[in-house]
């Protein structure tokens, strides 16, 4: 199986990239974890938010694999426990060749992408800096793996 985090955004700070790299090394290679960052469209003065979100949607849609399980990260989505995510990953490993996690830009996600998702996941009702989200997703994927493998990371 392959897991991919697809995000709209600018290059995160080095300390966040180091955190992402740390979890990428920890997650089993057979899960084929990858990150795809789509550059944030330029915010011109007077640009309409809806047009920017639509532009981002088109880029995310073009990155979408037709046969993948699509998980959209959205503040209004379902909040899963680490145990629930672990169980979902088990099921997805059996049923799909690829799972993609989509992270929209700072102005939110176009409804068309949300409507086309297989799952809508919220990490929390808290607001996080946009660039933190890929790191949080990878940490939770790693935690799910450690739970299934009785690793002491998750206690």
N, C-alpha and C. Protein backbone atom coordinates (compact mmCIF):
# COMPACT_ATOMS: atom_id res chain seq x y z
N UNK A 1 0.84 -1.18 0.00
CA UNK A 1 0.00 0.00 0.00
C UNK A 1 0.88 1.24 0.00
N UNK A 2 0.34 2.29 -0.52
CA UNK A 2 1.03 3.57 -0.53
C UNK A 2 0.15 4.59 0.19
N UNK A 3 0.78 5.38 1.05
CA UNK A 3 0.10 6.48 1.74
C UNK A 3 0.71 7.77 1.24
N UNK A 4 -0.15 8.72 0.88
CA UNK A 4 0.35 9.99 0.37
C UNK A 4 -0.41 11.14 1.03
N UNK A 5 0.35 12.13 1.48
CA UNK A 5 -0.21 13.36 2.02
C UNK A 5 -0.02 14.42 0.94
N UNK A 6 -1.14 14.96 0.47
CA UNK A 6 -1.11 15.98 -0.59
C UNK A 6 -1.57 17.28 0.05
N UNK A 7 -0.73 18.30 -0.03
CA UNK A 7 -1.04 19.55 0.66
C UNK A 7 -0.81 20.75 -0.24
N UNK A 8 -1.61 21.77 0.00
CA UNK A 8 -1.42 23.07 -0.65
C UNK A 8 -0.69 23.94 0.36
N UNK A 9 0.43 24.52 -0.03
CA UNK A 9 1.12 25.39 0.92
C UNK A 9 2.51 25.75 0.46
N UNK A 10 3.12 26.60 1.26
CA UNK A 10 4.50 27.00 1.02
C UNK A 10 5.42 26.08 1.78
N UNK A 11 6.69 26.16 1.47
CA UNK A 11 7.68 25.32 2.13
C UNK A 11 7.69 25.62 3.63
N UNK A 12 7.52 24.55 4.45
CA UNK A 12 7.49 24.77 5.90
C UNK A 12 8.88 25.08 6.45
N UNK A 13 8.96 25.57 7.68
CA UNK A 13 10.26 25.84 8.30
C UNK A 13 11.06 24.54 8.44
N UNK A 14 12.36 24.68 8.56
CA UNK A 14 13.25 23.51 8.60
C UNK A 14 12.93 22.58 9.77
N UNK A 15 12.57 23.13 10.94
CA UNK A 15 12.29 22.27 12.08
C UNK A 15 11.05 21.40 11.85
N UNK A 16 10.08 21.90 11.08
CA UNK A 16 8.92 21.08 10.73
C UNK A 16 9.30 20.01 9.70
N UNK A 17 10.13 20.38 8.73
CA UNK A 17 10.59 19.41 7.74
C UNK A 17 11.37 18.29 8.41
N UNK A 18 12.16 18.63 9.43
CA UNK A 18 12.91 17.61 10.17
C UNK A 18 11.97 16.66 10.90
N UNK A 19 10.90 17.19 11.47
CA UNK A 19 9.91 16.34 12.13
C UNK A 19 9.23 15.40 11.15
N UNK A 20 8.85 15.93 10.00
CA UNK A 20 8.22 15.11 8.96
C UNK A 20 9.19 14.01 8.52
N UNK A 21 10.44 14.36 8.30
CA UNK A 21 11.44 13.37 7.88
C UNK A 21 11.63 12.29 8.94
N UNK A 22 11.60 12.68 10.20
CA UNK A 22 11.74 11.72 11.30
C UNK A 22 10.64 10.66 11.24
N UNK A 23 9.40 11.08 11.06
CA UNK A 23 8.29 10.12 11.00
C UNK A 23 8.30 9.34 9.69
N UNK A 24 8.71 9.96 8.62
CA UNK A 24 8.82 9.21 7.34
C UNK A 24 9.80 8.06 7.48
N UNK A 25 10.88 8.27 8.22
CA UNK A 25 11.86 7.20 8.42
C UNK A 25 11.31 6.10 9.32
N UNK A 26 10.45 6.46 10.27
CA UNK A 26 9.91 5.49 11.22
C UNK A 26 8.79 4.63 10.63
N UNK A 27 8.01 5.21 9.73
CA UNK A 27 6.88 4.48 9.15
C UNK A 27 7.43 3.40 8.22
N UNK A 28 6.87 2.18 8.30
CA UNK A 28 7.40 1.08 7.48
C UNK A 28 7.46 1.42 5.99
N UNK A 29 8.56 1.01 5.37
CA UNK A 29 8.76 1.31 3.95
C UNK A 29 7.67 0.70 3.07
N UNK A 30 7.11 -0.44 3.50
CA UNK A 30 6.07 -1.08 2.68
C UNK A 30 4.79 -0.24 2.63
N UNK A 31 4.67 0.75 3.50
CA UNK A 31 3.53 1.66 3.44
C UNK A 31 3.78 2.78 2.43
N UNK A 32 4.98 2.87 1.92
CA UNK A 32 5.29 3.80 0.84
C UNK A 32 4.83 5.23 1.09
N UNK A 33 5.15 5.76 2.25
CA UNK A 33 4.68 7.10 2.61
C UNK A 33 5.34 8.17 1.74
N UNK A 34 4.55 9.10 1.24
CA UNK A 34 5.10 10.20 0.45
C UNK A 34 4.32 11.47 0.75
N UNK A 35 4.96 12.59 0.49
CA UNK A 35 4.33 13.90 0.64
C UNK A 35 4.44 14.62 -0.69
N UNK A 36 3.34 15.22 -1.08
CA UNK A 36 3.33 16.02 -2.30
C UNK A 36 2.83 17.40 -1.92
N UNK A 37 3.69 18.38 -2.11
CA UNK A 37 3.31 19.75 -1.77
C UNK A 37 3.05 20.53 -3.05
N UNK A 38 1.86 21.06 -3.14
CA UNK A 38 1.46 21.88 -4.27
C UNK A 38 1.60 23.33 -3.83
N UNK A 39 2.34 24.14 -4.58
CA UNK A 39 2.56 25.52 -4.15
C UNK A 39 1.26 26.29 -3.98
N UNK A 40 1.24 27.09 -2.95
CA UNK A 40 0.10 27.95 -2.65
C UNK A 40 -0.01 29.00 -3.75
N UNK A 41 -1.20 29.17 -4.35
CA UNK A 41 -1.35 30.23 -5.36
C UNK A 41 -1.07 31.60 -4.75
N UNK A 42 -0.54 32.48 -5.55
CA UNK A 42 -0.22 33.83 -5.09
C UNK A 42 -1.51 34.53 -4.67
N UNK A 43 -1.43 35.22 -3.55
CA UNK A 43 -2.56 35.98 -3.03
C UNK A 43 -2.41 37.43 -3.50
N UNK A 44 -3.02 37.75 -4.62
CA UNK A 44 -2.96 39.12 -5.15
C UNK A 44 -3.98 39.98 -4.43
N UNK A 45 -3.65 41.25 -4.32
CA UNK A 45 -4.57 42.17 -3.66
C UNK A 45 -5.90 42.18 -4.43
N UNK A 46 -6.98 42.00 -3.70
CA UNK A 46 -8.30 42.00 -4.32
C UNK A 46 -8.74 40.65 -4.85
N UNK A 47 -7.89 39.62 -4.72
CA UNK A 47 -8.28 38.29 -5.19
C UNK A 47 -9.43 37.76 -4.34
N UNK A 48 -10.37 37.12 -4.97
CA UNK A 48 -11.51 36.57 -4.26
C UNK A 48 -11.14 35.21 -3.65
N UNK A 49 -11.46 35.04 -2.39
CA UNK A 49 -11.13 33.81 -1.68
C UNK A 49 -11.69 32.60 -2.40
N UNK A 50 -12.93 32.69 -2.86
CA UNK A 50 -13.56 31.54 -3.52
C UNK A 50 -12.80 31.14 -4.78
N UNK A 51 -12.28 32.11 -5.52
CA UNK A 51 -11.49 31.80 -6.72
C UNK A 51 -10.20 31.10 -6.35
N UNK A 52 -9.56 31.54 -5.26
CA UNK A 52 -8.33 30.89 -4.81
C UNK A 52 -8.60 29.45 -4.38
N UNK A 53 -9.66 29.25 -3.62
CA UNK A 53 -10.02 27.90 -3.15
C UNK A 53 -10.34 27.00 -4.35
N UNK A 54 -11.03 27.54 -5.35
CA UNK A 54 -11.36 26.76 -6.55
C UNK A 54 -10.10 26.39 -7.31
N UNK A 55 -9.16 27.32 -7.41
CA UNK A 55 -7.88 27.04 -8.07
C UNK A 55 -7.12 25.93 -7.34
N UNK A 56 -7.12 25.99 -6.02
CA UNK A 56 -6.46 24.95 -5.22
C UNK A 56 -7.15 23.61 -5.41
N UNK A 57 -8.48 23.62 -5.48
CA UNK A 57 -9.25 22.39 -5.70
C UNK A 57 -8.81 21.71 -7.00
N UNK A 58 -8.69 22.50 -8.05
CA UNK A 58 -8.30 21.93 -9.34
C UNK A 58 -6.92 21.26 -9.26
N UNK A 59 -6.02 21.88 -8.53
CA UNK A 59 -4.69 21.29 -8.37
C UNK A 59 -4.73 20.02 -7.53
N UNK A 60 -5.51 20.04 -6.46
CA UNK A 60 -5.65 18.85 -5.63
C UNK A 60 -6.34 17.73 -6.40
N UNK A 61 -7.37 18.08 -7.15
CA UNK A 61 -8.09 17.07 -7.95
C UNK A 61 -7.14 16.42 -8.96
N UNK A 62 -6.26 17.20 -9.56
CA UNK A 62 -5.33 16.63 -10.54
C UNK A 62 -4.30 15.72 -9.87
N UNK A 63 -4.07 15.90 -8.58
CA UNK A 63 -3.14 15.04 -7.84
C UNK A 63 -3.81 13.77 -7.31
N UNK A 64 -5.13 13.73 -7.44
CA UNK A 64 -5.90 12.61 -6.90
C UNK A 64 -5.76 11.38 -7.78
N UNK A 65 -5.49 10.26 -7.15
CA UNK A 65 -5.42 8.98 -7.86
C UNK A 65 -6.83 8.38 -7.90
N UNK A 66 -7.25 7.96 -9.05
CA UNK A 66 -8.63 7.50 -9.26
C UNK A 66 -9.03 6.36 -8.32
N UNK A 67 -8.13 5.42 -8.07
CA UNK A 67 -8.46 4.23 -7.27
C UNK A 67 -8.09 4.36 -5.79
N UNK A 68 -7.62 5.51 -5.39
CA UNK A 68 -7.17 5.69 -4.00
C UNK A 68 -8.36 5.94 -3.06
N UNK A 69 -8.15 5.58 -1.81
CA UNK A 69 -9.07 6.00 -0.75
C UNK A 69 -8.74 7.46 -0.47
N UNK A 70 -9.74 8.34 -0.50
CA UNK A 70 -9.50 9.77 -0.36
C UNK A 70 -9.98 10.24 1.01
N UNK A 71 -9.03 10.78 1.78
CA UNK A 71 -9.32 11.31 3.10
C UNK A 71 -9.04 12.81 3.06
N UNK A 72 -10.09 13.58 3.25
CA UNK A 72 -9.95 15.04 3.23
C UNK A 72 -9.84 15.53 4.67
N UNK A 73 -8.84 16.34 4.92
CA UNK A 73 -8.63 16.94 6.23
C UNK A 73 -9.45 18.23 6.29
N UNK A 74 -10.41 18.26 7.20
CA UNK A 74 -11.34 19.38 7.26
C UNK A 74 -11.74 19.60 8.71
N UNK A 75 -11.78 20.84 9.15
CA UNK A 75 -12.10 21.16 10.54
C UNK A 75 -13.46 20.61 10.97
N UNK A 76 -14.38 20.48 10.03
CA UNK A 76 -15.72 19.99 10.37
C UNK A 76 -15.84 18.47 10.25
N UNK A 77 -14.74 17.80 9.96
CA UNK A 77 -14.77 16.35 9.80
C UNK A 77 -14.92 15.61 11.11
N UNK A 78 -14.88 14.29 11.01
CA UNK A 78 -14.99 13.44 12.20
C UNK A 78 -13.64 13.41 12.92
N UNK A 79 -13.71 13.43 14.23
CA UNK A 79 -12.51 13.29 15.04
C UNK A 79 -12.38 11.82 15.40
N UNK A 80 -11.25 11.22 15.03
CA UNK A 80 -10.99 9.81 15.31
C UNK A 80 -10.00 9.70 16.45
N UNK A 81 -10.17 8.70 17.26
CA UNK A 81 -9.15 8.37 18.25
C UNK A 81 -7.99 7.70 17.52
N UNK A 82 -6.86 7.59 18.19
CA UNK A 82 -5.72 6.89 17.59
C UNK A 82 -6.09 5.44 17.31
N UNK A 83 -6.88 4.83 18.19
CA UNK A 83 -7.31 3.45 18.00
C UNK A 83 -8.19 3.32 16.76
N UNK A 84 -9.09 4.28 16.57
CA UNK A 84 -9.95 4.26 15.38
C UNK A 84 -9.13 4.40 14.10
N UNK A 85 -8.16 5.30 14.11
CA UNK A 85 -7.30 5.46 12.93
C UNK A 85 -6.53 4.17 12.67
N UNK A 86 -6.03 3.54 13.71
CA UNK A 86 -5.29 2.30 13.55
C UNK A 86 -6.17 1.24 12.88
N UNK A 87 -7.41 1.13 13.32
CA UNK A 87 -8.35 0.16 12.72
C UNK A 87 -8.67 0.52 11.27
N UNK A 88 -8.84 1.81 11.00
CA UNK A 88 -9.10 2.24 9.63
C UNK A 88 -7.92 1.90 8.72
N UNK A 89 -6.71 2.16 9.20
CA UNK A 89 -5.53 1.83 8.39
C UNK A 89 -5.45 0.34 8.10
N UNK A 90 -5.79 -0.49 9.07
CA UNK A 90 -5.83 -1.93 8.84
C UNK A 90 -6.78 -2.28 7.69
N UNK A 91 -7.97 -1.70 7.74
CA UNK A 91 -8.96 -1.96 6.70
C UNK A 91 -8.47 -1.45 5.36
N UNK A 92 -7.96 -0.23 5.35
CA UNK A 92 -7.48 0.36 4.09
C UNK A 92 -6.34 -0.44 3.50
N UNK A 93 -5.45 -0.97 4.35
CA UNK A 93 -4.33 -1.79 3.85
C UNK A 93 -4.84 -3.00 3.07
N UNK A 94 -5.96 -3.53 3.52
CA UNK A 94 -6.53 -4.71 2.86
C UNK A 94 -7.30 -4.35 1.60
N UNK A 95 -7.95 -3.20 1.59
CA UNK A 95 -8.91 -2.87 0.53
C UNK A 95 -8.40 -1.93 -0.56
N UNK A 96 -7.28 -1.23 -0.32
CA UNK A 96 -6.83 -0.21 -1.27
C UNK A 96 -5.33 -0.33 -1.53
N UNK A 97 -4.96 0.04 -2.75
CA UNK A 97 -3.55 0.14 -3.11
C UNK A 97 -2.95 1.44 -2.59
N UNK A 98 -3.80 2.46 -2.45
CA UNK A 98 -3.32 3.79 -2.06
C UNK A 98 -4.35 4.51 -1.22
N UNK A 99 -3.86 5.26 -0.23
CA UNK A 99 -4.69 6.17 0.56
C UNK A 99 -4.06 7.55 0.45
N UNK A 100 -4.87 8.53 0.08
CA UNK A 100 -4.39 9.90 -0.03
C UNK A 100 -5.09 10.77 1.01
N UNK A 101 -4.29 11.57 1.69
CA UNK A 101 -4.79 12.54 2.67
C UNK A 101 -4.63 13.92 2.04
N UNK A 102 -5.73 14.65 1.90
CA UNK A 102 -5.70 15.95 1.24
C UNK A 102 -5.83 17.07 2.26
N UNK A 103 -4.88 18.01 2.20
CA UNK A 103 -4.86 19.17 3.09
C UNK A 103 -5.00 20.40 2.20
N UNK A 104 -6.10 21.14 2.38
CA UNK A 104 -6.35 22.33 1.57
C UNK A 104 -5.50 23.50 2.01
N UNK A 105 -5.69 24.60 1.35
CA UNK A 105 -4.95 25.81 1.66
C UNK A 105 -5.51 26.53 2.88
N UNK A 106 -4.95 27.67 3.22
CA UNK A 106 -5.34 28.39 4.43
C UNK A 106 -6.77 28.94 4.40
N UNK A 107 -7.38 29.01 3.22
CA UNK A 107 -8.75 29.52 3.12
C UNK A 107 -9.79 28.41 3.12
N UNK A 108 -9.35 27.19 3.35
CA UNK A 108 -10.30 26.08 3.42
C UNK A 108 -10.30 25.23 2.17
N UNK A 109 -11.25 24.31 2.15
CA UNK A 109 -11.34 23.31 1.11
C UNK A 109 -12.59 23.55 0.27
N UNK A 110 -12.47 23.41 -1.03
CA UNK A 110 -13.61 23.54 -1.92
C UNK A 110 -14.61 22.41 -1.62
N UNK A 111 -15.90 22.75 -1.60
CA UNK A 111 -16.93 21.77 -1.29
C UNK A 111 -16.91 20.57 -2.23
N UNK A 112 -16.50 20.77 -3.48
CA UNK A 112 -16.47 19.66 -4.43
C UNK A 112 -15.49 18.58 -3.98
N UNK A 113 -14.35 18.97 -3.41
CA UNK A 113 -13.39 17.99 -2.93
C UNK A 113 -13.92 17.30 -1.67
N UNK A 114 -14.52 18.06 -0.79
CA UNK A 114 -15.10 17.49 0.43
C UNK A 114 -16.18 16.49 0.05
N UNK A 115 -17.03 16.85 -0.89
CA UNK A 115 -18.13 15.97 -1.31
C UNK A 115 -17.63 14.70 -1.98
N UNK A 116 -16.48 14.73 -2.61
CA UNK A 116 -15.95 13.55 -3.30
C UNK A 116 -15.12 12.65 -2.39
N UNK A 117 -14.91 13.06 -1.14
CA UNK A 117 -14.05 12.31 -0.22
C UNK A 117 -14.73 11.03 0.26
N UNK A 118 -13.91 10.01 0.51
CA UNK A 118 -14.40 8.79 1.14
C UNK A 118 -14.53 9.00 2.64
N UNK A 119 -13.64 9.81 3.20
CA UNK A 119 -13.66 10.14 4.62
C UNK A 119 -13.31 11.60 4.79
N UNK A 120 -13.88 12.22 5.82
CA UNK A 120 -13.55 13.60 6.17
C UNK A 120 -13.07 13.55 7.62
N UNK A 121 -11.80 13.86 7.81
CA UNK A 121 -11.14 13.69 9.11
C UNK A 121 -10.73 15.05 9.65
N UNK A 122 -11.00 15.27 10.92
CA UNK A 122 -10.52 16.45 11.63
C UNK A 122 -9.55 15.99 12.70
N UNK A 123 -8.40 16.59 12.75
CA UNK A 123 -7.42 16.24 13.79
C UNK A 123 -7.86 16.72 15.16
N UNK A 124 -8.64 17.80 15.18
CA UNK A 124 -9.05 18.39 16.45
C UNK A 124 -10.01 19.54 16.16
N UNK A 125 -10.70 19.98 17.16
CA UNK A 125 -11.49 21.20 17.01
C UNK A 125 -10.62 22.43 17.23
N UNK A 126 -9.37 22.21 17.65
CA UNK A 126 -8.42 23.31 17.77
C UNK A 126 -7.97 23.75 16.38
N UNK A 127 -7.46 24.96 16.29
CA UNK A 127 -6.90 25.46 15.04
C UNK A 127 -5.38 25.32 15.11
N UNK A 128 -4.80 24.69 14.07
CA UNK A 128 -3.35 24.51 13.99
C UNK A 128 -2.80 25.33 12.84
N UNK A 129 -1.54 25.74 12.95
CA UNK A 129 -0.90 26.35 11.78
C UNK A 129 -0.95 25.34 10.62
N UNK A 130 -1.24 25.85 9.45
CA UNK A 130 -1.42 25.00 8.27
C UNK A 130 -0.25 24.05 8.05
N UNK A 131 0.96 24.54 8.24
CA UNK A 131 2.14 23.72 7.95
C UNK A 131 2.35 22.59 8.96
N UNK A 132 1.63 22.62 10.09
CA UNK A 132 1.75 21.55 11.09
C UNK A 132 1.01 20.28 10.67
N UNK A 133 -0.02 20.42 9.85
CA UNK A 133 -0.93 19.31 9.59
C UNK A 133 -0.24 18.07 9.00
N UNK A 134 0.64 18.19 8.00
CA UNK A 134 1.30 16.96 7.52
C UNK A 134 2.08 16.23 8.61
N UNK A 135 2.75 17.00 9.48
CA UNK A 135 3.49 16.38 10.59
C UNK A 135 2.53 15.64 11.52
N UNK A 136 1.39 16.25 11.84
CA UNK A 136 0.43 15.61 12.72
C UNK A 136 -0.16 14.34 12.09
N UNK A 137 -0.42 14.38 10.80
CA UNK A 137 -0.92 13.19 10.11
C UNK A 137 0.11 12.06 10.19
N UNK A 138 1.37 12.37 9.89
CA UNK A 138 2.41 11.34 9.92
C UNK A 138 2.62 10.79 11.32
N UNK A 139 2.57 11.65 12.33
CA UNK A 139 2.72 11.17 13.69
C UNK A 139 1.60 10.20 14.03
N UNK A 140 0.39 10.50 13.64
CA UNK A 140 -0.74 9.62 13.94
C UNK A 140 -0.66 8.31 13.15
N UNK A 141 -0.17 8.35 11.93
CA UNK A 141 0.03 7.12 11.16
C UNK A 141 1.08 6.26 11.84
N UNK A 142 2.16 6.89 12.27
CA UNK A 142 3.20 6.13 12.99
C UNK A 142 2.65 5.55 14.29
N UNK A 143 1.90 6.34 15.03
CA UNK A 143 1.30 5.87 16.28
C UNK A 143 0.39 4.67 16.01
N UNK A 144 -0.41 4.75 14.94
CA UNK A 144 -1.29 3.63 14.59
C UNK A 144 -0.48 2.37 14.32
N UNK A 145 0.63 2.52 13.59
CA UNK A 145 1.49 1.37 13.32
C UNK A 145 2.06 0.79 14.62
N UNK A 146 2.50 1.66 15.54
CA UNK A 146 3.09 1.16 16.79
C UNK A 146 2.04 0.44 17.63
N UNK A 147 0.80 0.88 17.57
CA UNK A 147 -0.27 0.22 18.33
C UNK A 147 -0.47 -1.20 17.82
N UNK A 148 -0.49 -1.37 16.52
CA UNK A 148 -0.71 -2.70 15.93
C UNK A 148 0.48 -3.62 16.15
N UNK A 149 1.65 -3.04 16.36
CA UNK A 149 2.86 -3.84 16.52
C UNK A 149 3.36 -3.87 17.96
N UNK A 150 2.52 -3.43 18.89
CA UNK A 150 2.82 -3.46 20.32
C UNK A 150 4.17 -2.81 20.65
N UNK A 151 4.43 -1.72 19.96
CA UNK A 151 5.64 -0.94 20.18
C UNK A 151 5.39 -0.02 21.36
N UNK A 152 6.39 0.24 22.20
CA UNK A 152 6.16 1.06 23.39
C UNK A 152 5.89 2.56 23.11
N UNK A 153 6.02 3.02 21.88
CA UNK A 153 5.77 4.43 21.57
C UNK A 153 4.38 4.85 22.05
N UNK A 154 3.37 4.00 21.79
CA UNK A 154 2.01 4.30 22.22
C UNK A 154 1.74 3.56 23.53
N UNK A 155 1.62 4.29 24.59
CA UNK A 155 1.37 3.67 25.91
C UNK A 155 0.03 4.10 26.43
